[in-house]
Every structure is written in C-alpha cells, then in structure tokens.
Amino acid sequence: MNKLSKSKDNAVIFGVLGGLGEYFNIDPVLLRVIVVVATFIGVGSTVPIYLLLALVMPESDDQTTKPASNKKKASPFGGDSDKPKRKEAEKLEEDDWSDF
C-alpha cells in the first residue's frame, strides 16, 4: 500500500482528493462530488479541512509516474496546432428555410 500524499497525476486544485482516492483506492471523482455536496449542504468544515490537508500532506515522490514528454499537453480550451482545422459552414441564402 502506498503512503498518503498529494497526487500529481490526479490533481484538480492541490491534489489532496486525488491522493486520498489513491490511498484508499476510491475514485477521486466520487470524493470530489462528496466534498462539493457536503459544502453546499452546510457542512462548513470541508473547506478548512481541505486547506489544512493541502498544507500538511506531503507531495508525491512516487517514481512510477509517467515521465514528462517533450510534447505539449492539449489545452481543453482549443488552440491546438496539431489538430486539423474544422471546416467552415457553407453560407446559404438568407431566405432559405429548407432545414425547418
């Protein structure tokens, strides 16, 4: 069993919930959903506990992580030059209502 540490591979903010998910063998997405729901329901201690864990938990020093490649990661917001450009839609006549 690996030691409890922040995750580098499964991090959204600090990697705390990703590290907890890896340690307890639970899907980190499930932990994130539980924390968000608990925060909105009114369990007010979730944010301070998360921030405390972010400060206290050690960084992952696991050597089994994937080595960083020279290729830049794809941005979720587009702008990737490797992808082919989308074909522009053809402009039809203004009075053409044939799609309806």
Protein backbone atom coordinates (compact mmCIF):
# COMPACT_ATOMS: atom_id res chain seq x y z
CA MET A 1 0.00 0.00 0.00
CA ASN A 2 1.38 3.39 -0.92
CA LYS A 3 1.74 6.20 1.59
CA LEU A 4 -0.69 9.07 1.89
CA SER A 5 0.46 12.01 -0.24
CA LYS A 6 -0.91 14.55 -2.69
CA SER A 7 -1.39 13.23 -6.20
CA LYS A 8 0.48 14.78 -9.11
CA ASP A 9 -1.37 12.83 -11.80
CA ASN A 10 -4.89 13.25 -10.44
CA ALA A 11 -4.88 16.83 -9.20
CA VAL A 12 -7.53 19.47 -9.80
CA ILE A 13 -6.54 22.12 -7.26
CA PHE A 14 -3.87 20.81 -4.88
CA GLY A 15 -4.13 17.05 -5.45
CA VAL A 16 -5.50 16.34 -1.97
CA LEU A 17 -8.60 14.41 -3.01
CA GLY A 18 -6.68 12.62 -5.75
CA GLY A 19 -4.13 11.49 -3.15
CA LEU A 20 -6.86 10.39 -0.75
CA GLY A 21 -8.54 8.46 -3.55
CA GLU A 22 -5.30 6.71 -4.48
CA TYR A 23 -4.55 5.88 -0.84
CA PHE A 24 -7.99 4.45 -0.04
CA ASN A 25 -8.49 3.02 -3.56
CA ILE A 26 -11.60 5.15 -4.15
CA ASP A 27 -12.43 7.07 -7.30
CA PRO A 28 -11.30 10.67 -6.68
CA VAL A 29 -14.26 11.98 -8.68
CA LEU A 30 -16.58 10.41 -6.11
CA LEU A 31 -14.63 12.11 -3.31
CA ARG A 32 -14.85 15.45 -5.13
CA VAL A 33 -18.61 15.09 -5.53
CA ILE A 34 -18.99 14.23 -1.84
CA VAL A 35 -16.94 17.27 -0.80
CA VAL A 36 -18.87 19.65 -3.07
CA VAL A 37 -22.25 18.31 -1.92
CA ALA A 38 -21.19 18.45 1.74
CA THR A 39 -20.01 22.03 1.26
CA PHE A 40 -23.31 23.14 -0.28
CA ILE A 41 -25.44 21.25 2.25
CA GLY A 42 -23.81 23.22 5.01
CA VAL A 43 -21.11 21.09 6.49
CA GLY A 44 -18.93 24.15 6.96
CA SER A 45 -15.73 22.37 7.90
CA THR A 46 -14.98 20.93 4.45
CA VAL A 47 -13.08 23.94 3.10
CA PRO A 48 -10.84 24.47 6.17
CA ILE A 49 -10.13 20.72 6.36
CA TYR A 50 -9.24 20.65 2.65
CA LEU A 51 -6.91 23.64 3.04
CA LEU A 52 -5.31 22.09 6.13
CA LEU A 53 -4.72 18.83 4.25
CA ALA A 54 -3.26 20.79 1.34
CA LEU A 55 -0.70 22.29 3.73
CA VAL A 56 0.02 19.15 5.77
CA MET A 57 0.03 16.36 3.17
CA PRO A 58 3.44 15.74 1.58
CA GLU A 59 3.97 15.96 -2.16
CA SER A 60 4.04 12.68 -4.04
CA ASP A 61 7.58 11.42 -4.59
CA ASP A 62 6.40 8.33 -6.46
CA GLN A 63 8.83 7.39 -9.22
CA THR A 64 6.23 5.29 -11.05
CA THR A 65 4.57 8.34 -12.55
CA LYS A 66 4.73 8.76 -16.27
CA PRO A 67 7.79 10.66 -17.44
CA ALA A 68 7.10 14.09 -18.83
CA SER A 69 7.31 14.10 -22.58
CA ASN A 70 8.53 16.99 -24.68
CA LYS A 71 5.16 17.20 -26.39
CA LYS A 72 2.93 19.92 -25.00
CA LYS A 73 -0.34 18.80 -23.43
CA ALA A 74 -3.51 19.57 -25.35
CA SER A 75 -5.39 22.51 -23.97
CA PRO A 76 -9.04 21.89 -23.06
CA PHE A 77 -9.82 25.34 -24.48
CA GLY A 78 -8.66 24.63 -28.03
CA GLY A 79 -5.93 26.33 -29.96
CA ASP A 80 -4.04 23.11 -30.68
CA SER A 81 -1.99 23.34 -33.84
CA ASP A 82 -1.77 19.52 -34.17
CA LYS A 83 -5.49 19.10 -34.77
CA PRO A 84 -6.89 19.70 -38.23
CA LYS A 85 -8.98 22.82 -38.54
CA ARG A 86 -12.74 22.41 -38.69
CA LYS A 87 -14.39 23.05 -42.00
CA GLU A 88 -16.38 26.27 -42.07
CA ALA A 89 -20.11 26.03 -42.65
CA GLU A 90 -21.32 26.99 -46.07
CA LYS A 91 -23.23 30.25 -46.26
CA LEU A 92 -26.72 29.72 -47.68
CA GLU A 93 -29.16 32.23 -48.98
CA GLU A 94 -30.81 34.36 -46.32
CA ASP A 95 -34.35 33.24 -47.25
CA ASP A 96 -33.56 29.51 -47.26
CA TRP A 97 -35.71 27.81 -44.61
CA SER A 98 -35.28 24.28 -46.01
CA ASP A 99 -33.82 22.96 -42.74
CA PHE A 100 -37.13 23.50 -40.99
